[in-house]
Amino acid sequence: MDERHEAAGADGARRAAALPAADRPAEREAPRVNPLPAAGAGSPGRGRLRARIGIGLAVVVLSAFLYWLHARRYEDTDDAQVDGDITAVSARVSGTVTAVHVVDNQAVKAGEVLVELDPTDLEVAVSQARAAVAQAEAGVAAESPSVLITESANQAALRSADADVESARSDLEAAQRELDQAEASDRLARSQLERAKVLLAGSSIAQADYDQRETAAEVTAAAVSAARKRLDGRQARLASALARQQETRQNAPRQVVAREATVEVRRANLQLAQDQLRQALLNLSYARVTAPADGVIGKKTVNPGERVQPGQQLMALTQTGRLWVTANFRETQVRLMQVGQPVELHVDALDRDYRGAVVSFAGATGSRYSLLPPENASGNYVKVVQRIPVRIALDPGQPELDRLRPGMSVEPVVRIR
């Protein structure tokens, strides 16, 4: 059976081969099968994928290396802003506002008048102070000569006391001489009386001579008594003159000191009146509220006709001419930071870069300056990376510095190596 089939097939094949090419039956095309790749060879798609992965890894590694190089030399943060002095402009005296010369966002110069107050009450106070000064000056003028007058009167009184003492001493000496003479005459009269008694007993003299000598003795005795009384009076006068002299010498300096103290009181009153006048003039000048520095006005809260009190804030003045940057770096970033290191600052609002330098570091972390600083000792301690405020000064002369305003966001980059 198989042999017959094979013979028939071979015969058919010969007949088919004998036919022309056009009359031959169409041959069935065999399906194409891709040959298997040889060992060690990959497809083109997989090669391109592997190449892309390699390039990506190389880029990642290079980027990581460049970032490491950058991180070694620089420290940056986005927690930074422009800072500046914002002055609260307030009234120094009470009064009624008569004029306001500025509006919000207006640039002003130092000394420019911002607000005017009614000066009437202040002018009255100045007039009263001037009157008080005039009165005090008159008091000083009236008391000043009294010191010289008192000194002159004291010197005259002292000279008079000295003269009285000298006169009393002279009179005392004269009274002493008179007493000495009276006592001498009395001794002579008594001795003559004694001799007359002897002569009268021997009937050598007459009774009349004896009576005469007796009378003379009585007269000399009376003269001695009178001289002693005068001497006692002169001694009392000398003692009184000496007491007055001593009193004058003691009281004269005291009187001068008292007069000088009175003059000093008058002068102190004059100084007080002059100071009060100065204060009144200052208060009058405070009726014109001026700008303390160059800057921009903001937060104006005053209008004409309002009554203001001393210390009441009228507006705020931002001093745009003196700005700096406060950057809050993490505490782990300031290890290598030092004063004077250069800084590159990018200001978002202006899309500009500025140059600066580190000026100083805060005395404490930002959290310690907060209204309610953390108390780690209470037991609720959670370690949080703290921020250290770093002050950065802007280099002068850079373009558009006048457009910077406090509060603008800044991205500083500090070069630490």
Protein backbone atom coordinates (compact mmCIF):
# COMPACT_ATOMS: atom_id res chain seq x y z
CA MET A 1 0.00 0.00 0.00
CA ASP A 2 2.75 2.39 0.94
CA GLU A 3 4.71 1.57 -2.12
CA ARG A 4 1.71 2.32 -4.32
CA HIS A 5 1.27 5.69 -2.64
CA GLU A 6 4.90 6.58 -3.08
CA ALA A 7 4.80 5.57 -6.77
CA ALA A 8 1.71 7.60 -7.38
CA GLY A 9 3.27 10.59 -5.71
CA ALA A 10 6.41 10.35 -7.75
CA ASP A 11 4.42 10.00 -10.99
CA GLY A 12 2.40 13.08 -10.16
CA ALA A 13 5.54 15.01 -9.48
CA ARG A 14 6.97 14.12 -12.83
CA ARG A 15 3.83 15.24 -14.60
CA ALA A 16 3.77 18.46 -12.80
CA ALA A 17 7.37 19.14 -13.67
CA ALA A 18 6.65 18.47 -17.35
CA LEU A 19 3.98 21.23 -17.46
CA PRO A 20 4.92 24.79 -18.45
CA ALA A 21 5.71 27.21 -15.60
CA ALA A 22 2.51 29.18 -16.16
CA ASP A 23 0.40 25.98 -15.93
CA ARG A 24 1.99 24.79 -12.73
CA PRO A 25 -0.14 24.92 -9.58
CA ALA A 26 0.73 27.70 -7.13
CA GLU A 27 3.11 26.61 -4.50
CA ARG A 28 2.21 27.31 -0.88
CA GLU A 29 4.71 29.77 0.61
CA ALA A 30 6.29 28.47 3.78
CA PRO A 31 6.12 30.79 6.84
CA ARG A 32 9.28 32.74 7.71
CA VAL A 33 10.74 32.03 11.09
CA ASN A 34 13.37 34.43 12.60
CA PRO A 35 16.46 32.53 13.42
CA LEU A 36 17.42 32.42 17.12
CA PRO A 37 20.13 34.90 18.09
CA ALA A 38 23.51 33.52 18.54
CA ALA A 39 24.87 33.12 22.02
CA GLY A 40 26.30 36.44 23.41
CA ALA A 41 24.44 38.79 21.03
CA GLY A 42 21.48 41.06 22.19
CA SER A 43 18.65 42.69 20.36
CA PRO A 44 19.00 46.39 19.29
CA GLY A 45 16.08 47.52 21.59
CA ARG A 46 17.62 46.06 24.66
CA GLY A 47 20.96 47.68 23.84
CA ARG A 48 19.41 51.10 23.57
CA LEU A 49 17.58 50.62 26.91
CA ARG A 50 20.74 49.57 28.62
CA ALA A 51 22.55 52.58 27.19
CA ARG A 52 19.86 54.94 28.47
CA ILE A 53 19.98 53.40 31.94
CA GLY A 54 23.75 53.78 32.00
CA ILE A 55 23.56 57.42 30.96
CA GLY A 56 20.89 58.07 33.60
CA LEU A 57 23.00 56.46 36.30
CA ALA A 58 25.99 58.48 35.21
CA VAL A 59 23.96 61.69 35.35
CA VAL A 60 22.65 60.83 38.82
CA VAL A 61 26.13 60.02 40.07
CA LEU A 62 27.55 63.20 38.54
CA SER A 63 24.72 65.28 39.98
CA ALA A 64 25.22 63.74 43.40
CA PHE A 65 28.96 64.43 43.17
CA LEU A 66 28.39 68.04 42.11
CA TYR A 67 25.84 68.50 44.90
CA TRP A 68 28.34 67.10 47.38
CA LEU A 69 30.97 69.53 46.14
CA HIS A 70 28.48 72.38 46.40
CA ALA A 71 27.30 71.32 49.88
CA ARG A 72 30.88 71.25 51.12
CA ARG A 73 31.47 74.86 50.11
CA TYR A 74 28.07 76.52 50.53
CA GLU A 75 25.15 76.72 52.94
CA ASP A 76 21.79 78.03 51.80
CA THR A 77 18.25 78.47 53.10
CA ASP A 78 14.93 79.79 51.92
CA ASP A 79 13.95 81.02 55.39
CA ALA A 80 15.27 84.58 55.01
CA GLN A 81 13.88 88.04 54.47
CA VAL A 82 14.93 91.65 54.06
CA ASP A 83 14.92 93.55 57.36
CA GLY A 84 15.07 97.24 58.20
CA ASP A 85 14.32 99.79 60.88
CA ILE A 86 10.63 100.66 61.13
CA THR A 87 10.17 103.71 63.34
CA ALA A 88 6.90 104.48 65.07
CA VAL A 89 6.29 108.21 64.56
CA SER A 90 4.41 109.53 67.59
CA ALA A 91 3.39 112.83 69.13
CA ARG A 92 5.52 114.26 71.94
CA VAL A 93 2.90 116.72 73.19
CA SER A 94 -0.86 116.70 73.33
CA GLY A 95 -2.82 118.81 70.91
CA THR A 96 -5.32 119.00 68.10
CA VAL A 97 -4.14 118.03 64.62
CA THR A 98 -4.42 120.93 62.21
CA ALA A 99 -2.70 119.44 59.15
CA VAL A 100 -1.34 116.12 57.86
CA HIS A 101 1.17 116.52 55.02
CA VAL A 102 1.78 112.89 54.02
CA VAL A 103 -0.09 109.82 52.82
CA ASP A 104 0.71 106.13 52.94
CA ASN A 105 3.64 104.93 50.78
CA GLN A 106 5.02 108.47 50.42
CA ALA A 107 8.80 108.89 50.50
CA VAL A 108 10.02 111.56 52.92
CA LYS A 109 13.34 113.09 53.94
CA ALA A 110 14.67 113.53 57.45
CA GLY A 111 13.30 116.69 59.05
CA GLU A 112 10.33 116.95 56.73
CA VAL A 113 7.12 118.08 58.48
CA LEU A 114 4.60 115.24 58.67
CA VAL A 115 1.90 116.51 61.05
CA GLU A 116 1.10 119.92 62.57
CA LEU A 117 -0.66 120.49 65.91
CA ASP A 118 -2.47 123.58 67.17
CA PRO A 119 0.28 125.66 68.90
CA THR A 120 -1.94 128.11 70.82
CA ASP A 121 -1.73 126.41 74.22
CA LEU A 122 1.99 125.88 73.79
CA GLU A 123 2.56 129.54 72.93
CA VAL A 124 0.75 130.58 76.13
CA ALA A 125 3.02 128.26 78.11
CA VAL A 126 6.05 129.92 76.49
CA SER A 127 4.78 133.39 77.51
CA GLN A 128 4.26 132.26 81.09
CA ALA A 129 7.74 130.77 81.18
CA ARG A 130 9.26 134.01 79.89
CA ALA A 131 7.47 135.95 82.65
CA ALA A 132 8.79 133.55 85.27
CA VAL A 133 12.31 134.03 83.95
CA ALA A 134 11.98 137.81 84.15
CA GLN A 135 10.70 137.57 87.73
CA ALA A 136 13.56 135.28 88.73
CA GLU A 137 16.12 137.58 87.12
CA ALA A 138 14.72 140.50 89.11
CA GLY A 139 14.99 138.51 92.33
CA VAL A 140 18.63 137.70 91.61
CA ALA A 141 19.38 141.34 90.80
CA ALA A 142 17.78 142.44 94.06
CA GLU A 143 19.60 139.92 96.24
CA SER A 144 23.05 139.95 94.68
CA PRO A 145 24.17 143.33 96.18
CA SER A 146 23.01 142.26 99.64
CA VAL A 147 26.06 140.04 100.02
CA LEU A 148 28.46 142.93 99.47
CA ILE A 149 26.36 145.19 101.67
CA THR A 150 26.37 142.61 104.46
CA GLU A 151 30.12 142.11 104.15
CA SER A 152 30.71 145.87 104.32
CA ALA A 153 28.37 146.26 107.30
CA ASN A 154 30.05 143.38 109.09
CA GLN A 155 33.49 144.87 108.51
CA ALA A 156 32.32 148.23 109.82
CA ALA A 157 30.72 146.63 112.87
CA LEU A 158 33.90 144.68 113.53
CA ARG A 159 36.01 147.82 113.27
CA SER A 160 33.63 149.62 115.64
CA ALA A 161 33.80 146.76 118.12
CA ASP A 162 37.58 146.80 117.96
CA ALA A 163 37.55 150.55 118.53
CA ASP A 164 35.24 150.17 121.52
CA VAL A 165 37.55 147.57 123.00
CA GLU A 166 40.58 149.79 122.56
CA SER A 167 38.72 152.77 124.04
CA ALA A 168 37.55 150.71 127.01
CA ARG A 169 41.08 149.49 127.59
CA SER A 170 42.41 153.06 127.50
CA ASP A 171 39.76 154.24 129.93
CA LEU A 172 40.55 151.31 132.19
CA GLU A 173 44.21 152.17 132.18
CA ALA A 174 43.39 155.81 132.95
CA ALA A 175 41.09 154.75 135.79
CA GLN A 176 43.84 152.52 137.15
CA ARG A 177 46.26 155.44 137.13
CA GLU A 178 43.72 157.67 138.87
CA LEU A 179 43.23 154.99 141.50
CA ASP A 180 46.98 154.66 141.98
CA GLN A 181 47.27 158.44 142.40
CA ALA A 182 44.32 158.58 144.80
CA GLU A 183 45.75 155.75 146.87
CA ALA A 184 49.12 157.49 146.98
CA SER A 185 47.50 160.75 148.08
CA ASP A 186 45.46 158.84 150.63
CA ARG A 187 48.58 157.18 152.07
CA LEU A 188 50.30 160.55 152.30
CA ALA A 189 47.27 162.14 153.98
CA ARG A 190 47.01 159.29 156.51
CA SER A 191 50.70 159.51 157.38
CA GLN A 192 50.47 163.27 157.89
CA LEU A 193 47.40 162.70 160.02
CA GLU A 194 49.35 160.23 162.19
CA ARG A 195 52.20 162.71 162.70
CA ALA A 196 49.66 165.45 163.46
CA LYS A 197 48.17 163.25 166.17
CA VAL A 198 51.60 162.89 167.79
CA LEU A 199 52.33 166.59 167.53
CA LEU A 200 48.90 167.46 168.88
CA ALA A 201 49.47 165.25 171.91
CA GLY A 202 52.74 167.12 172.60
CA SER A 203 51.00 170.46 172.01
CA SER A 204 53.40 171.10 169.13
CA ILE A 205 50.69 172.07 166.64
CA ALA A 206 47.46 173.83 166.91
CA GLN A 207 44.14 172.09 166.82
CA ALA A 208 43.28 173.80 163.56
CA ASP A 209 46.27 172.24 161.76
CA TYR A 210 45.28 168.83 163.01
CA ASP A 211 41.70 169.31 161.82
CA GLN A 212 42.98 170.37 158.42
CA ARG A 213 45.10 167.26 158.04
CA GLU A 214 42.25 165.09 159.24
CA THR A 215 39.97 166.62 156.62
CA ALA A 216 42.60 166.09 153.94
CA ALA A 217 42.83 162.41 154.88
CA GLU A 218 39.09 162.02 154.61
CA VAL A 219 39.15 163.72 151.17
CA THR A 220 41.86 161.40 149.86
CA ALA A 221 39.98 158.37 151.21
CA ALA A 222 36.87 159.50 149.38
CA ALA A 223 38.96 160.04 146.24
CA VAL A 224 40.26 156.47 146.47
CA SER A 225 36.75 155.12 146.81
CA ALA A 226 35.59 157.11 143.77
CA ALA A 227 38.59 155.98 141.72
CA ARG A 228 37.86 152.35 142.54
CA LYS A 229 34.25 152.76 141.42
CA ARG A 230 35.39 154.32 138.14
CA LEU A 231 37.86 151.46 137.66
CA ASP A 232 35.10 148.91 138.19
CA GLY A 233 32.93 150.72 135.62
CA ARG A 234 35.77 150.80 133.09
CA GLN A 235 36.36 147.08 133.61
CA ALA A 236 32.68 146.34 133.01
CA ARG A 237 32.75 148.48 129.86
CA LEU A 238 35.81 146.60 128.57
CA ALA A 239 34.15 143.26 129.22
CA SER A 240 31.06 144.41 127.34
CA ALA A 241 33.17 145.68 124.42
CA LEU A 242 35.03 142.38 124.27
CA ALA A 243 31.74 140.44 124.23
CA ARG A 244 30.39 142.59 121.41
CA GLN A 245 33.64 142.15 119.50
CA GLN A 246 33.47 138.38 119.86
CA GLU A 247 29.83 138.30 118.85
CA THR A 248 30.52 140.46 115.80
CA ARG A 249 33.38 138.24 114.71
CA GLN A 250 31.24 135.11 115.04
CA ASN A 251 28.07 136.46 113.44
CA ALA A 252 29.65 138.33 110.53
CA PRO A 253 30.53 135.18 108.50
CA ARG A 254 27.16 133.63 109.30
CA GLN A 255 25.33 136.66 108.01
CA VAL A 256 27.36 136.59 104.80
CA VAL A 257 26.67 132.89 104.36
CA ALA A 258 22.97 133.47 104.92
CA ARG A 259 22.94 136.23 102.32
CA GLU A 260 24.87 134.08 99.87
CA ALA A 261 22.42 131.22 100.43
CA THR A 262 19.54 133.55 99.69
CA VAL A 263 21.24 134.64 96.48
CA GLU A 264 21.84 131.00 95.52
CA VAL A 265 18.17 130.27 96.04
CA ARG A 266 17.32 133.16 93.75
CA ARG A 267 19.77 131.91 91.16
CA ALA A 268 18.36 128.38 91.42
CA ASN A 269 14.90 129.80 90.85
CA LEU A 270 16.24 131.62 87.82
CA GLN A 271 17.81 128.43 86.47
CA LEU A 272 14.55 126.56 87.03
CA ALA A 273 12.61 129.28 85.22
CA GLN A 274 15.07 129.20 82.32
CA ASP A 275 14.79 125.41 82.07
CA GLN A 276 11.02 125.67 82.11
CA LEU A 277 11.26 128.22 79.30
CA ARG A 278 13.46 125.85 77.31
CA GLN A 279 10.97 123.04 77.86
CA ALA A 280 8.13 125.29 76.78
CA LEU A 281 10.03 126.21 73.61
CA LEU A 282 10.75 122.54 72.94
CA ASN A 283 7.08 121.68 73.40
CA LEU A 284 6.22 124.44 70.95
CA SER A 285 8.64 122.94 68.43
CA TYR A 286 7.05 119.52 69.00
CA ALA A 287 3.82 120.92 67.57
CA ARG A 288 5.44 120.15 64.20
CA VAL A 289 6.00 116.39 63.99
CA THR A 290 8.93 115.78 61.64
CA ALA A 291 10.43 112.68 60.02
CA PRO A 292 13.29 111.28 62.12
CA ALA A 293 15.03 109.80 59.08
CA ASP A 294 14.68 109.20 55.35
CA GLY A 295 12.14 106.56 54.51
CA VAL A 296 8.65 105.64 53.36
CA ILE A 297 5.47 106.41 55.30
CA GLY A 298 3.03 103.63 56.11
CA LYS A 299 0.22 102.71 58.48
CA LYS A 300 -0.97 106.31 58.84
CA THR A 301 -3.67 106.56 61.51
CA VAL A 302 -4.03 110.33 62.03
CA ASN A 303 -6.29 112.87 60.37
CA PRO A 304 -6.88 116.61 60.82
CA GLY A 305 -9.13 117.52 63.73
CA GLU A 306 -8.16 114.59 65.94
CA ARG A 307 -6.87 115.04 69.48
CA VAL A 308 -3.59 113.24 70.05
CA GLN A 309 -1.72 112.47 73.24
CA PRO A 310 2.01 112.15 73.98
CA GLY A 311 3.32 108.77 72.81
CA GLN A 312 0.36 108.09 70.52
CA GLN A 313 1.56 106.50 67.28
CA LEU A 314 0.56 108.52 64.24
CA MET A 315 2.26 106.52 61.48
CA ALA A 316 5.19 104.23 60.75
CA LEU A 317 8.37 105.18 58.91
CA THR A 318 10.35 102.48 57.12
CA GLN A 319 14.01 103.51 56.79
CA THR A 320 14.70 102.06 53.35
CA GLY A 321 18.21 103.51 53.26
CA ARG A 322 19.46 101.07 55.93
CA LEU A 323 18.50 97.50 55.11
CA TRP A 324 19.96 94.09 55.84
CA VAL A 325 18.99 90.44 55.50
CA THR A 326 18.06 88.13 58.36
CA ALA A 327 18.57 84.48 57.42
CA ASN A 328 17.33 81.75 59.75
CA PHE A 329 19.79 78.90 59.19
CA ARG A 330 19.41 75.54 60.83
CA GLU A 331 21.72 75.05 63.78
CA THR A 332 23.48 72.30 61.84
CA GLN A 333 24.40 74.79 59.10
CA VAL A 334 26.26 77.39 61.15
CA ARG A 335 29.13 75.21 62.30
CA LEU A 336 31.54 76.59 59.68
CA MET A 337 29.95 80.02 59.28
CA GLN A 338 32.04 83.00 60.34
CA VAL A 339 31.72 86.75 60.27
CA GLY A 340 32.90 88.22 56.99
CA GLN A 341 32.09 85.24 54.74
CA PRO A 342 30.65 86.29 51.34
CA VAL A 343 27.00 85.69 50.57
CA GLU A 344 25.01 85.54 47.34
CA LEU A 345 21.41 86.62 47.82
CA HIS A 346 18.54 86.09 45.43
CA VAL A 347 15.54 88.37 45.94
CA ASP A 348 12.36 86.78 44.63
CA ALA A 349 10.43 90.02 44.22
CA LEU A 350 13.05 91.55 41.89
CA ASP A 351 14.45 88.30 40.51
CA ARG A 352 17.92 89.71 41.08
CA ASP A 353 21.05 88.51 42.81
CA TYR A 354 22.90 90.67 45.31
CA ARG A 355 26.19 90.41 47.12
CA GLY A 356 26.63 90.63 50.87
CA ALA A 357 28.58 89.37 53.85
CA VAL A 358 27.86 87.74 57.20
CA VAL A 359 27.86 90.40 59.91
CA SER A 360 26.77 88.69 63.12
CA PHE A 361 24.91 85.81 64.73
CA ALA A 362 21.94 86.12 67.05
CA GLY A 363 22.45 85.72 70.78
CA ALA A 364 19.84 82.94 70.93
CA THR A 365 17.74 80.79 68.65
CA GLY A 366 14.57 82.17 67.18
CA SER A 367 12.40 80.08 69.46
CA ARG A 368 14.00 81.59 72.57
CA TYR A 369 12.95 85.06 71.38
CA SER A 370 9.35 83.98 70.89
CA LEU A 371 6.52 85.12 73.12
CA LEU A 372 6.28 81.67 74.73
CA PRO A 373 9.74 80.08 74.54
CA PRO A 374 9.93 76.31 74.95
CA GLU A 375 10.64 74.91 78.39
CA ASN A 376 12.47 71.64 77.81
CA ALA A 377 12.83 71.07 81.55
CA SER A 378 9.06 70.58 81.84
CA GLY A 379 9.42 67.03 80.55
CA ASN A 380 7.70 67.57 77.20
CA TYR A 381 10.98 67.57 75.34
CA VAL A 382 10.97 66.78 71.63
CA LYS A 383 14.19 67.47 69.78
CA VAL A 384 13.60 69.93 66.96
CA VAL A 385 16.30 71.42 64.77
CA GLN A 386 16.50 75.06 65.84
CA ARG A 387 17.03 78.12 63.68
CA ILE A 388 19.82 80.66 64.30
CA PRO A 389 19.13 84.18 62.94
CA VAL A 390 22.16 85.37 60.97
CA ARG A 391 22.50 89.03 59.99
CA ILE A 392 23.80 89.66 56.48
CA ALA A 393 24.85 93.10 55.25
CA LEU A 394 24.27 94.11 51.65
CA ASP A 395 27.21 95.51 49.74
CA PRO A 396 26.55 99.17 48.83
CA GLY A 397 26.37 100.49 45.29
CA GLN A 398 24.44 97.57 43.80
CA PRO A 399 21.62 98.33 41.35
CA GLU A 400 18.02 98.65 42.53
CA LEU A 401 18.86 98.54 46.21
CA ASP A 402 16.32 101.30 46.71
CA ARG A 403 13.57 98.92 45.59
CA LEU A 404 14.18 96.50 48.45
CA ARG A 405 11.61 96.53 51.23
CA PRO A 406 11.60 94.84 54.65
CA GLY A 407 9.79 91.52 54.53
CA MET A 408 10.82 90.53 50.99
CA SER A 409 11.79 86.88 50.66
CA VAL A 410 15.47 86.17 50.08
CA GLU A 411 17.42 83.01 49.31
CA PRO A 412 20.98 83.47 50.64
CA VAL A 413 23.90 81.21 49.80
CA VAL A 414 26.89 81.52 52.15
CA ARG A 415 30.29 80.40 50.96
CA ILE A 416 31.84 78.63 53.97
CA ARG A 417 35.00 77.30 52.26
